Amino acid sequence: MSSNPEIKTNQEEIPEDILKQIKIPKFSTIPFEVKNVQIMQNQTGVTEGPLLVSISLFGEKDALLISNLFVKENPPSVGTETVELNNGIKAQYDGTGEAKVLAWQEKEGNVVIDLALRSEPGENNEFTLDDLLKMANSIE
């Protein structure tokens, strides 16, 4: 995100050690022009639960919602179809709701990543599984 200074973001509110752990797709793979980025971090449990970082990238009418859940083992259960990423990881895809969602657990770093592409309510969501795979395969 720092290589795109024209995009509004609140990344200065997030500790540097958390920012270094976040896994997001390359901006060039996002199928719309990003105007604004919002980052939130919180614990998932009442006390010391796993760390959840949510990154919302907004365009004119579209949004990409990314979550990074830092856990030892928590395979994603969302999905109506299993697909394979370029690195061999199995991911779960669900294209039945308002958002098209792809979720998987990284082999390294103990992080479950969800990518959800959605359009403005009432708009036709024309995003595809290929859009999600392109972004997922760009994450390093």
C-alpha atoms as a PDB file:
ATOM      1  CA  MET A   1       0.000   0.000   0.000  1.00  0.00           C
ATOM      2  CA  SER A   2       2.906   2.323   0.630  1.00  0.00           C
ATOM      3  CA  SER A   3       3.767   2.101  -3.078  1.00  0.00           C
ATOM      4  CA  ASN A   4       0.365   3.669  -3.862  1.00  0.00           C
ATOM      5  CA  PRO A   5       0.443   6.977  -1.911  1.00  0.00           C
ATOM      6  CA  GLU A   6      -2.562   8.364  -3.816  1.00  0.00           C
ATOM      7  CA  ILE A   7      -4.856   5.864  -2.067  1.00  0.00           C
ATOM      8  CA  LYS A   8      -6.388   6.972   1.220  1.00  0.00           C
ATOM      9  CA  THR A   9      -5.601   4.558   4.047  1.00  0.00           C
ATOM     10  CA  ASN A  10      -5.411   4.381   7.822  1.00  0.00           C
ATOM     11  CA  GLN A  11      -2.345   2.122   7.888  1.00  0.00           C
ATOM     12  CA  GLU A  12      -0.522   4.530  10.231  1.00  0.00           C
ATOM     13  CA  GLU A  13      -3.015   3.451  12.958  1.00  0.00           C
ATOM     14  CA  ILE A  14      -1.878  -0.191  12.721  1.00  0.00           C
ATOM     15  CA  PRO A  15       1.326  -1.345  14.497  1.00  0.00           C
ATOM     16  CA  GLU A  16       4.240  -1.959  12.120  1.00  0.00           C
ATOM     17  CA  ASP A  17       4.689  -5.588  13.249  1.00  0.00           C
ATOM     18  CA  ILE A  18       1.065  -6.321  12.260  1.00  0.00           C
ATOM     19  CA  LEU A  19       1.418  -4.544   8.892  1.00  0.00           C
ATOM     20  CA  LYS A  20       4.428  -6.741   8.052  1.00  0.00           C
ATOM     21  CA  GLN A  21       2.350  -9.914   8.560  1.00  0.00           C
ATOM     22  CA  ILE A  22      -0.619  -8.918   6.397  1.00  0.00           C
ATOM     23  CA  LYS A  23      -0.991 -10.807   3.134  1.00  0.00           C
ATOM     24  CA  ILE A  24      -2.832  -8.988   0.356  1.00  0.00           C
ATOM     25  CA  PRO A  25      -2.957  -9.370  -3.432  1.00  0.00           C
ATOM     26  CA  LYS A  26      -0.902  -7.170  -5.716  1.00  0.00           C
ATOM     27  CA  PHE A  27      -2.850  -4.022  -6.539  1.00  0.00           C
ATOM     28  CA  SER A  28      -2.416  -4.689 -10.277  1.00  0.00           C
ATOM     29  CA  THR A  29      -4.581  -7.831  -9.942  1.00  0.00           C
ATOM     30  CA  ILE A  30      -7.585  -6.103  -8.323  1.00  0.00           C
ATOM     31  CA  PRO A  31     -10.364  -5.889 -10.958  1.00  0.00           C
ATOM     32  CA  PHE A  32     -11.341  -2.296 -10.146  1.00  0.00           C
ATOM     33  CA  GLU A  33      -9.624   0.983  -9.289  1.00  0.00           C
ATOM     34  CA  VAL A  34      -8.991   1.217  -5.539  1.00  0.00           C
ATOM     35  CA  LYS A  35      -9.839   4.623  -4.039  1.00  0.00           C
ATOM     36  CA  ASN A  36      -9.757   3.966  -0.303  1.00  0.00           C
ATOM     37  CA  VAL A  37      -8.343   1.332   2.085  1.00  0.00           C
ATOM     38  CA  GLN A  38      -9.538   0.660   5.628  1.00  0.00           C
ATOM     39  CA  ILE A  39      -7.582  -1.679   7.949  1.00  0.00           C
ATOM     40  CA  MET A  40      -8.929  -3.042  11.234  1.00  0.00           C
ATOM     41  CA  GLN A  41      -7.329  -5.416  13.719  1.00  0.00           C
ATOM     42  CA  ASN A  42      -8.901  -7.223  16.641  1.00  0.00           C
ATOM     43  CA  GLN A  43      -8.731 -10.389  18.678  1.00  0.00           C
ATOM     44  CA  THR A  44     -11.406 -12.956  17.805  1.00  0.00           C
ATOM     45  CA  GLY A  45     -11.874 -14.176  21.382  1.00  0.00           C
ATOM     46  CA  VAL A  46     -13.106 -12.418  24.501  1.00  0.00           C
ATOM     47  CA  THR A  47      -9.578 -12.570  25.888  1.00  0.00           C
ATOM     48  CA  GLU A  48      -6.477 -13.508  23.904  1.00  0.00           C
ATOM     49  CA  GLY A  49      -7.975 -15.073  20.790  1.00  0.00           C
ATOM     50  CA  PRO A  50      -6.370 -15.329  17.369  1.00  0.00           C
ATOM     51  CA  LEU A  51      -5.584 -12.043  15.658  1.00  0.00           C
ATOM     52  CA  LEU A  52      -7.937 -11.046  12.845  1.00  0.00           C
ATOM     53  CA  VAL A  53      -6.928  -8.299  10.423  1.00  0.00           C
ATOM     54  CA  SER A  54      -9.584  -7.048   8.011  1.00  0.00           C
ATOM     55  CA  ILE A  55      -8.623  -4.974   4.992  1.00  0.00           C
ATOM     56  CA  SER A  56     -11.362  -3.317   2.947  1.00  0.00           C
ATOM     57  CA  LEU A  57     -10.444  -1.866  -0.444  1.00  0.00           C
ATOM     58  CA  PHE A  58     -13.113   0.357  -1.947  1.00  0.00           C
ATOM     59  CA  GLY A  59     -13.615   1.571  -5.507  1.00  0.00           C
ATOM     60  CA  GLU A  60     -16.478   3.639  -6.936  1.00  0.00           C
ATOM     61  CA  LYS A  61     -19.075   0.843  -6.642  1.00  0.00           C
ATOM     62  CA  ASP A  62     -17.068  -2.256  -5.821  1.00  0.00           C
ATOM     63  CA  ALA A  63     -15.175  -3.554  -2.818  1.00  0.00           C
ATOM     64  CA  LEU A  64     -12.625  -6.218  -2.017  1.00  0.00           C
ATOM     65  CA  LEU A  65     -12.778  -7.453   1.556  1.00  0.00           C
ATOM     66  CA  ILE A  66      -9.694  -9.327   2.738  1.00  0.00           C
ATOM     67  CA  SER A  67      -9.344 -11.041   6.080  1.00  0.00           C
ATOM     68  CA  ASN A  68      -6.184 -12.498   7.567  1.00  0.00           C
ATOM     69  CA  LEU A  69      -6.884 -14.783  10.550  1.00  0.00           C
ATOM     70  CA  PHE A  70      -3.663 -15.767  12.302  1.00  0.00           C
ATOM     71  CA  VAL A  71      -4.220 -19.258  13.732  1.00  0.00           C
ATOM     72  CA  LYS A  72      -2.302 -22.516  13.939  1.00  0.00           C
ATOM     73  CA  GLU A  73      -4.994 -24.613  12.298  1.00  0.00           C
ATOM     74  CA  ASN A  74      -8.409 -23.546  11.093  1.00  0.00           C
ATOM     75  CA  PRO A  75      -9.127 -24.746   7.571  1.00  0.00           C
ATOM     76  CA  PRO A  76     -11.684 -22.560   5.818  1.00  0.00           C
ATOM     77  CA  SER A  77     -15.139 -24.110   5.676  1.00  0.00           C
ATOM     78  CA  VAL A  78     -16.798 -21.554   3.417  1.00  0.00           C
ATOM     79  CA  GLY A  79     -17.303 -22.769  -0.104  1.00  0.00           C
ATOM     80  CA  THR A  80     -19.322 -24.741  -2.547  1.00  0.00           C
ATOM     81  CA  GLU A  81     -16.339 -25.709  -4.705  1.00  0.00           C
ATOM     82  CA  THR A  82     -12.704 -26.645  -4.075  1.00  0.00           C
ATOM     83  CA  VAL A  83     -10.097 -25.112  -6.395  1.00  0.00           C
ATOM     84  CA  GLU A  84      -6.301 -25.278  -6.455  1.00  0.00           C
ATOM     85  CA  LEU A  85      -4.013 -22.251  -6.299  1.00  0.00           C
ATOM     86  CA  ASN A  86      -0.781 -22.098  -8.336  1.00  0.00           C
ATOM     87  CA  ASN A  87       1.222 -23.082  -5.242  1.00  0.00           C
ATOM     88  CA  GLY A  88      -0.830 -26.290  -4.781  1.00  0.00           C
ATOM     89  CA  ILE A  89      -2.915 -25.054  -1.850  1.00  0.00           C
ATOM     90  CA  LYS A  90      -6.572 -26.103  -1.922  1.00  0.00           C
ATOM     91  CA  ALA A  91      -8.981 -23.160  -1.599  1.00  0.00           C
ATOM     92  CA  GLN A  92     -12.725 -22.997  -1.062  1.00  0.00           C
ATOM     93  CA  TYR A  93     -14.835 -20.927  -3.477  1.00  0.00           C
ATOM     94  CA  ASP A  94     -18.391 -19.696  -2.953  1.00  0.00           C
ATOM     95  CA  GLY A  95     -20.086 -17.677  -5.665  1.00  0.00           C
ATOM     96  CA  THR A  96     -23.660 -18.075  -4.438  1.00  0.00           C
ATOM     97  CA  GLY A  97     -24.070 -15.025  -2.170  1.00  0.00           C
ATOM     98  CA  GLU A  98     -23.829 -11.269  -2.639  1.00  0.00           C
ATOM     99  CA  ALA A  99     -20.044 -11.571  -2.577  1.00  0.00           C
ATOM    100  CA  LYS A 100     -17.825 -14.006  -4.467  1.00  0.00           C
ATOM    101  CA  VAL A 101     -15.505 -15.559  -1.846  1.00  0.00           C
ATOM    102  CA  LEU A 102     -12.242 -17.524  -2.005  1.00  0.00           C
ATOM    103  CA  ALA A 103     -10.662 -18.806   1.242  1.00  0.00           C
ATOM    104  CA  TRP A 104      -7.590 -20.895   2.067  1.00  0.00           C
ATOM    105  CA  GLN A 105      -4.935 -21.511   4.718  1.00  0.00           C
ATOM    106  CA  GLU A 106      -1.374 -20.567   3.819  1.00  0.00           C
ATOM    107  CA  LYS A 107       1.262 -23.275   4.297  1.00  0.00           C
ATOM    108  CA  GLU A 108       3.571 -20.837   6.082  1.00  0.00           C
ATOM    109  CA  GLY A 109       2.680 -18.125   8.528  1.00  0.00           C
ATOM    110  CA  ASN A 110      -0.378 -19.809  10.046  1.00  0.00           C
ATOM    111  CA  VAL A 111      -2.843 -17.486   8.338  1.00  0.00           C
ATOM    112  CA  VAL A 112      -6.273 -18.173   6.860  1.00  0.00           C
ATOM    113  CA  ILE A 113      -6.957 -15.727   4.017  1.00  0.00           C
ATOM    114  CA  ASP A 114     -10.406 -14.813   2.715  1.00  0.00           C
ATOM    115  CA  LEU A 115     -10.933 -12.684  -0.391  1.00  0.00           C
ATOM    116  CA  ALA A 116     -14.490 -11.438  -0.977  1.00  0.00           C
ATOM    117  CA  LEU A 117     -15.431  -9.388  -4.045  1.00  0.00           C
ATOM    118  CA  ARG A 118     -18.721  -7.552  -3.890  1.00  0.00           C
ATOM    119  CA  SER A 119     -20.543  -4.920  -5.891  1.00  0.00           C
ATOM    120  CA  GLU A 120     -22.773  -2.131  -4.663  1.00  0.00           C
ATOM    121  CA  PRO A 121     -26.117  -3.473  -3.355  1.00  0.00           C
ATOM    122  CA  GLY A 122     -28.560  -3.773  -6.222  1.00  0.00           C
ATOM    123  CA  GLU A 123     -25.743  -3.950  -8.782  1.00  0.00           C
ATOM    124  CA  ASN A 124     -24.985  -7.140 -10.692  1.00  0.00           C
ATOM    125  CA  ASN A 125     -21.847  -8.831  -9.297  1.00  0.00           C
ATOM    126  CA  GLU A 126     -19.970  -9.702 -12.478  1.00  0.00           C
ATOM    127  CA  PHE A 127     -16.764 -10.753 -10.736  1.00  0.00           C
ATOM    128  CA  THR A 128     -15.595 -14.293 -11.460  1.00  0.00           C
ATOM    129  CA  LEU A 129     -13.633 -17.111  -9.883  1.00  0.00           C
ATOM    130  CA  ASP A 130     -10.818 -16.188 -12.300  1.00  0.00           C
ATOM    131  CA  ASP A 131     -10.703 -12.668 -10.780  1.00  0.00           C
ATOM    132  CA  LEU A 132     -10.286 -14.186  -7.314  1.00  0.00           C
ATOM    133  CA  LEU A 133      -7.693 -16.731  -8.469  1.00  0.00           C
ATOM    134  CA  LYS A 134      -5.627 -14.021 -10.175  1.00  0.00           C
ATOM    135  CA  MET A 135      -5.510 -12.059  -6.911  1.00  0.00           C
ATOM    136  CA  ALA A 136      -4.904 -15.137  -4.732  1.00  0.00           C
ATOM    137  CA  ASN A 137      -2.036 -16.313  -6.908  1.00  0.00           C
ATOM    138  CA  SER A 138      -0.366 -12.878  -6.645  1.00  0.00           C
ATOM    139  CA  ILE A 139      -0.061 -13.059  -2.844  1.00  0.00           C
ATOM    140  CA  GLU A 140       3.490 -13.748  -1.679  1.00  0.00           C
END
